[in-house]
Amino acid sequence: MSDRPYFLWDVDITDGEFRERLKHPDPRIRAQWQGVLLREARLDEVWKYLSLAEILEDWPNFYKHLGRRRSFWDFLIKGWREDGLLAA
């Protein structure tokens, strides 16, 4: 499948379908896909799918889906807050 995002190598899903799931009205479904994105994609690729506002808004819902990347995202967000780039 040529339209599948590289980080979803194990799922038969197109880029368009993935984007739809990232906007799903059910926060539990949206959280699973957001977690996959933040866990598997390169940082520069994340911003092609989600804004920082969307990440912060849904953070409590998908935090548990981050797996091994949880500490990376904690570090980034904490650092942005300490640097005054994000509200505390």
PDB file of N, CA and C in Angstrom:
ATOM      1  N   MET A   1       0.865  -1.171   0.000  1.00  0.00           N
ATOM      2  CA  MET A   1       0.000   0.000   0.000  1.00  0.00           C
ATOM      3  C   MET A   1       0.909   1.230   0.000  1.00  0.00           C
ATOM      4  N   SER A   2       0.869   1.991  -1.053  1.00  0.00           N
ATOM      5  CA  SER A   2       1.794   3.108  -1.190  1.00  0.00           C
ATOM      6  C   SER A   2       1.344   4.342  -0.414  1.00  0.00           C
ATOM      7  N   ASP A   3       0.095   4.405  -0.013  1.00  0.00           N
ATOM      8  CA  ASP A   3      -0.418   5.573   0.703  1.00  0.00           C
ATOM      9  C   ASP A   3      -0.406   5.376   2.219  1.00  0.00           C
ATOM     10  N   ARG A   4       0.240   4.328   2.687  1.00  0.00           N
ATOM     11  CA  ARG A   4       0.291   4.041   4.119  1.00  0.00           C
ATOM     12  C   ARG A   4       1.471   4.808   4.726  1.00  0.00           C
ATOM     13  N   PRO A   5       1.240   5.524   5.845  1.00  0.00           N
ATOM     14  CA  PRO A   5       2.369   6.175   6.514  1.00  0.00           C
ATOM     15  C   PRO A   5       3.416   5.140   6.923  1.00  0.00           C
ATOM     16  N   TYR A   6       4.691   5.487   6.775  1.00  0.00           N
ATOM     17  CA  TYR A   6       5.785   4.541   7.021  1.00  0.00           C
ATOM     18  C   TYR A   6       5.768   3.959   8.431  1.00  0.00           C
ATOM     19  N   PHE A   7       5.287   4.728   9.397  1.00  0.00           N
ATOM     20  CA  PHE A   7       5.317   4.268  10.787  1.00  0.00           C
ATOM     21  C   PHE A   7       4.154   3.352  11.122  1.00  0.00           C
ATOM     22  N   LEU A   8       3.265   3.141  10.174  1.00  0.00           N
ATOM     23  CA  LEU A   8       2.153   2.199  10.347  1.00  0.00           C
ATOM     24  C   LEU A   8       2.371   0.984   9.452  1.00  0.00           C
ATOM     25  N   TRP A   9       3.595   0.525   9.418  1.00  0.00           N
ATOM     26  CA  TRP A   9       3.982  -0.571   8.538  1.00  0.00           C
ATOM     27  C   TRP A   9       3.203  -1.856   8.795  1.00  0.00           C
ATOM     28  N   ASP A  10       2.663  -2.013   9.998  1.00  0.00           N
ATOM     29  CA  ASP A  10       1.986  -3.266  10.351  1.00  0.00           C
ATOM     30  C   ASP A  10       0.461  -3.170  10.301  1.00  0.00           C
ATOM     31  N   VAL A  11      -0.061  -2.044   9.784  1.00  0.00           N
ATOM     32  CA  VAL A  11      -1.513  -1.836   9.737  1.00  0.00           C
ATOM     33  C   VAL A  11      -1.901  -1.455   8.312  1.00  0.00           C
ATOM     34  N   ASP A  12      -2.922  -2.108   7.787  1.00  0.00           N
ATOM     35  CA  ASP A  12      -3.417  -1.745   6.453  1.00  0.00           C
ATOM     36  C   ASP A  12      -4.357  -0.559   6.582  1.00  0.00           C
ATOM     37  N   ILE A  13      -3.790   0.626   6.448  1.00  0.00           N
ATOM     38  CA  ILE A  13      -4.555   1.855   6.589  1.00  0.00           C
ATOM     39  C   ILE A  13      -3.925   2.915   5.702  1.00  0.00           C
ATOM     40  N   THR A  14      -4.744   3.684   5.029  1.00  0.00           N
ATOM     41  CA  THR A  14      -4.212   4.761   4.188  1.00  0.00           C
ATOM     42  C   THR A  14      -3.955   5.996   5.041  1.00  0.00           C
ATOM     43  N   ASP A  15      -3.231   6.921   4.481  1.00  0.00           N
ATOM     44  CA  ASP A  15      -2.961   8.173   5.168  1.00  0.00           C
ATOM     45  C   ASP A  15      -4.282   8.888   5.500  1.00  0.00           C
ATOM     46  N   GLY A  16      -5.195   8.897   4.559  1.00  0.00           N
ATOM     47  CA  GLY A  16      -6.488   9.543   4.787  1.00  0.00           C
ATOM     48  C   GLY A  16      -7.286   8.891   5.906  1.00  0.00           C
ATOM     49  N   GLU A  17      -7.301   7.565   5.933  1.00  0.00           N
ATOM     50  CA  GLU A  17      -7.999   6.847   7.002  1.00  0.00           C
ATOM     51  C   GLU A  17      -7.353   7.128   8.359  1.00  0.00           C
ATOM     52  N   PHE A  18      -6.034   7.176   8.373  1.00  0.00           N
ATOM     53  CA  PHE A  18      -5.323   7.478   9.622  1.00  0.00           C
ATOM     54  C   PHE A  18      -5.685   8.871  10.116  1.00  0.00           C
ATOM     55  N   ARG A  19      -5.708   9.835   9.224  1.00  0.00           N
ATOM     56  CA  ARG A  19      -6.070  11.209   9.604  1.00  0.00           C
ATOM     57  C   ARG A  19      -7.501  11.275  10.152  1.00  0.00           C
ATOM     58  N   GLU A  20      -8.406  10.507   9.563  1.00  0.00           N
ATOM     59  CA  GLU A  20      -9.787  10.462  10.060  1.00  0.00           C
ATOM     60  C   GLU A  20      -9.832   9.907  11.484  1.00  0.00           C
ATOM     61  N   ARG A  21      -9.051   8.883  11.749  1.00  0.00           N
ATOM     62  CA  ARG A  21      -9.041   8.277  13.085  1.00  0.00           C
ATOM     63  C   ARG A  21      -8.428   9.214  14.121  1.00  0.00           C
ATOM     64  N   LEU A  22      -7.498  10.058  13.697  1.00  0.00           N
ATOM     65  CA  LEU A  22      -6.929  11.044  14.619  1.00  0.00           C
ATOM     66  C   LEU A  22      -7.943  12.123  15.005  1.00  0.00           C
ATOM     67  N   LYS A  23      -9.019  12.239  14.234  1.00  0.00           N
ATOM     68  CA  LYS A  23     -10.083  13.225  14.497  1.00  0.00           C
ATOM     69  C   LYS A  23     -11.366  12.558  14.976  1.00  0.00           C
ATOM     70  N   HIS A  24     -11.308  11.274  15.267  1.00  0.00           N
ATOM     71  CA  HIS A  24     -12.500  10.509  15.636  1.00  0.00           C
ATOM     72  C   HIS A  24     -13.212  11.174  16.813  1.00  0.00           C
ATOM     73  N   PRO A  25     -14.549  11.212  16.802  1.00  0.00           N
ATOM     74  CA  PRO A  25     -15.279  11.839  17.904  1.00  0.00           C
ATOM     75  C   PRO A  25     -15.154  11.110  19.243  1.00  0.00           C
ATOM     76  N   ASP A  26     -14.893   9.809  19.207  1.00  0.00           N
ATOM     77  CA  ASP A  26     -14.728   9.044  20.440  1.00  0.00           C
ATOM     78  C   ASP A  26     -13.295   9.239  20.939  1.00  0.00           C
ATOM     79  N   PRO A  27     -13.102   9.872  22.100  1.00  0.00           N
ATOM     80  CA  PRO A  27     -11.747  10.158  22.577  1.00  0.00           C
ATOM     81  C   PRO A  27     -10.908   8.907  22.831  1.00  0.00           C
ATOM     82  N   ARG A  28     -11.547   7.778  23.126  1.00  0.00           N
ATOM     83  CA  ARG A  28     -10.788   6.535  23.353  1.00  0.00           C
ATOM     84  C   ARG A  28     -10.172   6.017  22.058  1.00  0.00           C
ATOM     85  N   ILE A  29     -10.927   6.075  20.987  1.00  0.00           N
ATOM     86  CA  ILE A  29     -10.411   5.641  19.682  1.00  0.00           C
ATOM     87  C   ILE A  29      -9.339   6.618  19.204  1.00  0.00           C
ATOM     88  N   ARG A  30      -9.636   7.901  19.309  1.00  0.00           N
ATOM     89  CA  ARG A  30      -8.667   8.934  18.920  1.00  0.00           C
ATOM     90  C   ARG A  30      -7.364   8.775  19.705  1.00  0.00           C
ATOM     91  N   ALA A  31      -7.460   8.484  20.987  1.00  0.00           N
ATOM     92  CA  ALA A  31      -6.281   8.348  21.843  1.00  0.00           C
ATOM     93  C   ALA A  31      -5.385   7.195  21.396  1.00  0.00           C
ATOM     94  N   GLN A  32      -5.965   6.098  20.993  1.00  0.00           N
ATOM     95  CA  GLN A  32      -5.155   4.960  20.533  1.00  0.00           C
ATOM     96  C   GLN A  32      -4.317   5.343  19.324  1.00  0.00           C
ATOM     97  N   TRP A  33      -4.912   6.044  18.377  1.00  0.00           N
ATOM     98  CA  TRP A  33      -4.202   6.425  17.163  1.00  0.00           C
ATOM     99  C   TRP A  33      -3.216   7.562  17.421  1.00  0.00           C
ATOM    100  N   GLN A  34      -3.577   8.479  18.300  1.00  0.00           N
ATOM    101  CA  GLN A  34      -2.631   9.533  18.662  1.00  0.00           C
ATOM    102  C   GLN A  34      -1.412   8.932  19.346  1.00  0.00           C
ATOM    103  N   GLY A  35      -1.643   7.964  20.202  1.00  0.00           N
ATOM    104  CA  GLY A  35      -0.543   7.286  20.873  1.00  0.00           C
ATOM    105  C   GLY A  35       0.387   6.599  19.890  1.00  0.00           C
ATOM    106  N   VAL A  36      -0.184   5.954  18.883  1.00  0.00           N
ATOM    107  CA  VAL A  36       0.632   5.306  17.853  1.00  0.00           C
ATOM    108  C   VAL A  36       1.493   6.350  17.146  1.00  0.00           C
ATOM    109  N   LEU A  37       0.882   7.451  16.787  1.00  0.00           N
ATOM    110  CA  LEU A  37       1.619   8.512  16.096  1.00  0.00           C
ATOM    111  C   LEU A  37       2.793   9.007  16.928  1.00  0.00           C
ATOM    112  N   LEU A  38       2.541   9.387  18.174  1.00  0.00           N
ATOM    113  CA  LEU A  38       3.597   9.936  19.015  1.00  0.00           C
ATOM    114  C   LEU A  38       4.620   8.884  19.430  1.00  0.00           C
ATOM    115  N   ARG A  39       4.242   7.649  19.414  1.00  0.00           N
ATOM    116  CA  ARG A  39       5.152   6.564  19.780  1.00  0.00           C
ATOM    117  C   ARG A  39       6.023   6.123  18.612  1.00  0.00           C
ATOM    118  N   GLU A  40       5.471   6.088  17.413  1.00  0.00           N
ATOM    119  CA  GLU A  40       6.154   5.470  16.275  1.00  0.00           C
ATOM    120  C   GLU A  40       6.733   6.445  15.252  1.00  0.00           C
ATOM    121  N   ALA A  41       6.137   7.601  15.095  1.00  0.00           N
ATOM    122  CA  ALA A  41       6.606   8.539  14.066  1.00  0.00           C
ATOM    123  C   ALA A  41       7.782   9.376  14.574  1.00  0.00           C
ATOM    124  N   ARG A  42       8.580   9.860  13.638  1.00  0.00           N
ATOM    125  CA  ARG A  42       9.641  10.806  13.993  1.00  0.00           C
ATOM    126  C   ARG A  42       8.985  12.112  14.430  1.00  0.00           C
ATOM    127  N   LEU A  43       9.672  12.850  15.272  1.00  0.00           N
ATOM    128  CA  LEU A  43       9.120  14.092  15.807  1.00  0.00           C
ATOM    129  C   LEU A  43       8.665  15.032  14.699  1.00  0.00           C
ATOM    130  N   ASP A  44       9.478  15.196  13.667  1.00  0.00           N
ATOM    131  CA  ASP A  44       9.101  16.113  12.586  1.00  0.00           C
ATOM    132  C   ASP A  44       7.865  15.643  11.824  1.00  0.00           C
ATOM    133  N   GLU A  45       7.582  14.360  11.850  1.00  0.00           N
ATOM    134  CA  GLU A  45       6.393  13.830  11.184  1.00  0.00           C
ATOM    135  C   GLU A  45       5.119  14.050  12.005  1.00  0.00           C
ATOM    136  N   VAL A  46       5.254  14.101  13.324  1.00  0.00           N
ATOM    137  CA  VAL A  46       4.086  14.268  14.203  1.00  0.00           C
ATOM    138  C   VAL A  46       3.304  15.517  13.825  1.00  0.00           C
ATOM    139  N   TRP A  47       4.035  16.609  13.536  1.00  0.00           N
ATOM    140  CA  TRP A  47       3.392  17.898  13.274  1.00  0.00           C
ATOM    141  C   TRP A  47       2.638  17.923  11.950  1.00  0.00           C
ATOM    142  N   LYS A  48       2.839  16.940  11.117  1.00  0.00           N
ATOM    143  CA  LYS A  48       2.072  16.838   9.874  1.00  0.00           C
ATOM    144  C   LYS A  48       0.669  16.303  10.137  1.00  0.00           C
ATOM    145  N   TYR A  49       0.478  15.725  11.318  1.00  0.00           N
ATOM    146  CA  TYR A  49      -0.797  15.097  11.652  1.00  0.00           C
ATOM    147  C   TYR A  49      -1.534  15.771  12.808  1.00  0.00           C
ATOM    148  N   LEU A  50      -0.790  16.300  13.769  1.00  0.00           N
ATOM    149  CA  LEU A  50      -1.400  16.911  14.944  1.00  0.00           C
ATOM    150  C   LEU A  50      -0.716  18.238  15.265  1.00  0.00           C
ATOM    151  N   SER A  51      -1.494  19.150  15.796  1.00  0.00           N
ATOM    152  CA  SER A  51      -0.920  20.395  16.292  1.00  0.00           C
ATOM    153  C   SER A  51      -0.560  20.213  17.766  1.00  0.00           C
ATOM    154  N   LEU A  52       0.259  21.101  18.274  1.00  0.00           N
ATOM    155  CA  LEU A  52       0.601  21.047  19.694  1.00  0.00           C
ATOM    156  C   LEU A  52      -0.651  21.236  20.543  1.00  0.00           C
ATOM    157  N   ALA A  53      -1.556  22.095  20.104  1.00  0.00           N
ATOM    158  CA  ALA A  53      -2.805  22.301  20.843  1.00  0.00           C
ATOM    159  C   ALA A  53      -3.606  21.002  20.945  1.00  0.00           C
ATOM    160  N   GLU A  54      -3.661  20.237  19.864  1.00  0.00           N
ATOM    161  CA  GLU A  54      -4.383  18.962  19.884  1.00  0.00           C
ATOM    162  C   GLU A  54      -3.702  17.965  20.819  1.00  0.00           C
ATOM    163  N   ILE A  55      -2.384  17.962  20.805  1.00  0.00           N
ATOM    164  CA  ILE A  55      -1.643  17.054  21.686  1.00  0.00           C
ATOM    165  C   ILE A  55      -1.924  17.404  23.142  1.00  0.00           C
ATOM    166  N   LEU A  56      -1.842  18.667  23.485  1.00  0.00           N
ATOM    167  CA  LEU A  56      -2.064  19.076  24.875  1.00  0.00           C
ATOM    168  C   LEU A  56      -3.506  18.847  25.310  1.00  0.00           C
ATOM    169  N   GLU A  57      -4.430  19.057  24.409  1.00  0.00           N
ATOM    170  CA  GLU A  57      -5.852  18.867  24.737  1.00  0.00           C
ATOM    171  C   GLU A  57      -6.166  17.410  25.053  1.00  0.00           C
ATOM    172  N   ASP A  58      -5.612  16.504  24.270  1.00  0.00           N
ATOM    173  CA  ASP A  58      -5.917  15.083  24.441  1.00  0.00           C
ATOM    174  C   ASP A  58      -4.871  14.330  25.262  1.00  0.00           C
ATOM    175  N   TRP A  59      -3.867  15.033  25.769  1.00  0.00           N
ATOM    176  CA  TRP A  59      -2.771  14.416  26.511  1.00  0.00           C
ATOM    177  C   TRP A  59      -3.247  13.404  27.566  1.00  0.00           C
ATOM    178  N   PRO A  60      -4.199  13.756  28.430  1.00  0.00           N
ATOM    179  CA  PRO A  60      -4.625  12.785  29.457  1.00  0.00           C
ATOM    180  C   PRO A  60      -5.223  11.504  28.868  1.00  0.00           C
ATOM    181  N   ASN A  61      -5.790  11.601  27.675  1.00  0.00           N
ATOM    182  CA  ASN A  61      -6.427  10.435  27.064  1.00  0.00           C
ATOM    183  C   ASN A  61      -5.428   9.465  26.448  1.00  0.00           C
ATOM    184  N   PHE A  62      -4.365   9.967  25.825  1.00  0.00           N
ATOM    185  CA  PHE A  62      -3.465   9.058  25.124  1.00  0.00           C
ATOM    186  C   PHE A  62      -2.128   8.842  25.815  1.00  0.00           C
ATOM    187  N   TYR A  63      -1.900   9.503  26.931  1.00  0.00           N
ATOM    188  CA  TYR A  63      -0.640   9.378  27.655  1.00  0.00           C
ATOM    189  C   TYR A  63      -0.269   7.912  27.904  1.00  0.00           C
ATOM    190  N   LYS A  64      -1.254   7.122  28.271  1.00  0.00           N
ATOM    191  CA  LYS A  64      -0.997   5.707  28.579  1.00  0.00           C
ATOM    192  C   LYS A  64      -0.637   4.882  27.344  1.00  0.00           C
ATOM    193  N   HIS A  65      -0.851   5.435  26.146  1.00  0.00           N
ATOM    194  CA  HIS A  65      -0.555   4.719  24.906  1.00  0.00           C
ATOM    195  C   HIS A  65       0.835   5.041  24.351  1.00  0.00           C
ATOM    196  N   LEU A  66       1.619   5.828  25.062  1.00  0.00           N
ATOM    197  CA  LEU A  66       2.912   6.269  24.530  1.00  0.00           C
ATOM    198  C   LEU A  66       4.038   5.257  24.707  1.00  0.00           C
ATOM    199  N   GLY A  67       3.873   4.317  25.589  1.00  0.00           N
ATOM    200  CA  GLY A  67       4.887   3.281  25.762  1.00  0.00           C
ATOM    201  C   GLY A  67       6.274   3.839  26.018  1.00  0.00           C
ATOM    202  N   ARG A  68       7.245   3.335  25.284  1.00  0.00           N
ATOM    203  CA  ARG A  68       8.644   3.700  25.493  1.00  0.00           C
ATOM    204  C   ARG A  68       8.939   5.167  25.186  1.00  0.00           C
ATOM    205  N   ARG A  69       8.042   5.846  24.495  1.00  0.00           N
ATOM    206  CA  ARG A  69       8.259   7.260  24.146  1.00  0.00           C
ATOM    207  C   ARG A  69       7.657   8.226  25.167  1.00  0.00           C
ATOM    208  N   ARG A  70       7.026   7.699  26.194  1.00  0.00           N
ATOM    209  CA  ARG A  70       6.387   8.552  27.197  1.00  0.00           C
ATOM    210  C   ARG A  70       7.394   9.522  27.829  1.00  0.00           C
ATOM    211  N   SER A  71       8.557   9.036  28.207  1.00  0.00           N
ATOM    212  CA  SER A  71       9.542   9.904  28.859  1.00  0.00           C
ATOM    213  C   SER A  71      10.060  10.976  27.900  1.00  0.00           C
ATOM    214  N   PHE A  72      10.166  10.661  26.625  1.00  0.00           N
ATOM    215  CA  PHE A  72      10.579  11.651  25.625  1.00  0.00           C
ATOM    216  C   PHE A  72       9.583  12.798  25.557  1.00  0.00           C
ATOM    217  N   TRP A  73       8.300  12.456  25.459  1.00  0.00           N
ATOM    218  CA  TRP A  73       7.271  13.492  25.372  1.00  0.00           C
ATOM    219  C   TRP A  73       7.133  14.252  26.686  1.00  0.00           C
ATOM    220  N   ASP A  74       7.279  13.584  27.811  1.00  0.00           N
ATOM    221  CA  ASP A  74       7.301  14.280  29.109  1.00  0.00           C
ATOM    222  C   ASP A  74       8.422  15.305  29.137  1.00  0.00           C
ATOM    223  N   PHE A  75       9.612  14.900  28.691  1.00  0.00           N
ATOM    224  CA  PHE A  75      10.772  15.782  28.658  1.00  0.00           C
ATOM    225  C   PHE A  75      10.506  17.013  27.789  1.00  0.00           C
ATOM    226  N   LEU A  76       9.963  16.799  26.587  1.00  0.00           N
ATOM    227  CA  LEU A  76       9.688  17.916  25.684  1.00  0.00           C
ATOM    228  C   LEU A  76       8.695  18.901  26.280  1.00  0.00           C
ATOM    229  N   ILE A  77       7.579  18.397  26.728  1.00  0.00           N
ATOM    230  CA  ILE A  77       6.523  19.278  27.229  1.00  0.00           C
ATOM    231  C   ILE A  77       6.966  19.988  28.502  1.00  0.00           C
ATOM    232  N   LYS A  78       7.636  19.271  29.392  1.00  0.00           N
ATOM    233  CA  LYS A  78       8.154  19.899  30.611  1.00  0.00           C
ATOM    234  C   LYS A  78       9.158  21.001  30.255  1.00  0.00           C
ATOM    235  N   GLY A  79      10.038  20.723  29.323  1.00  0.00           N
ATOM    236  CA  GLY A  79      11.027  21.717  28.906  1.00  0.00           C
ATOM    237  C   GLY A  79      10.387  22.940  28.277  1.00  0.00           C
ATOM    238  N   TRP A  80       9.386  22.731  27.441  1.00  0.00           N
ATOM    239  CA  TRP A  80       8.690  23.870  26.828  1.00  0.00           C
ATOM    240  C   TRP A  80       8.002  24.718  27.886  1.00  0.00           C
ATOM    241  N   ARG A  81       7.465  24.078  28.917  1.00  0.00           N
ATOM    242  CA  ARG A  81       6.824  24.822  30.000  1.00  0.00           C
ATOM    243  C   ARG A  81       7.855  25.589  30.811  1.00  0.00           C
ATOM    244  N   GLU A  82       8.964  24.944  31.138  1.00  0.00           N
ATOM    245  CA  GLU A  82      10.027  25.608  31.914  1.00  0.00           C
ATOM    246  C   GLU A  82      10.634  26.765  31.163  1.00  0.00           C
ATOM    247  N   ASP A  83      10.697  26.667  29.841  1.00  0.00           N
ATOM    248  CA  ASP A  83      11.246  27.739  29.011  1.00  0.00           C
ATOM    249  C   ASP A  83      10.235  28.840  28.711  1.00  0.00           C
ATOM    250  N   GLY A  84       9.001  28.665  29.217  1.00  0.00           N
ATOM    251  CA  GLY A  84       7.972  29.678  29.003  1.00  0.00           C
ATOM    252  C   GLY A  84       7.300  29.613  27.647  1.00  0.00           C
ATOM    253  N   LEU A  85       7.528  28.545  26.921  1.00  0.00           N
ATOM    254  CA  LEU A  85       6.924  28.403  25.602  1.00  0.00           C
ATOM    255  C   LEU A  85       5.494  27.874  25.677  1.00  0.00           C
ATOM    256  N   LEU A  86       5.175  27.245  26.822  1.00  0.00           N
ATOM    257  CA  LEU A  86       3.833  26.750  27.093  1.00  0.00           C
ATOM    258  C   LEU A  86       3.401  27.222  28.467  1.00  0.00           C
ATOM    259  N   ALA A  87       2.113  27.433  28.620  1.00  0.00           N
ATOM    260  CA  ALA A  87       1.595  27.788  29.953  1.00  0.00           C
ATOM    261  C   ALA A  87       1.807  26.619  30.909  1.00  0.00           C
ATOM    262  N   ALA A  88       2.071  26.941  32.148  1.00  0.00           N
ATOM    263  CA  ALA A  88       2.341  25.908  33.161  1.00  0.00           C
ATOM    264  C   ALA A  88       1.127  25.161  33.576  1.00  0.00           C
TER     265      ALA A  88
END
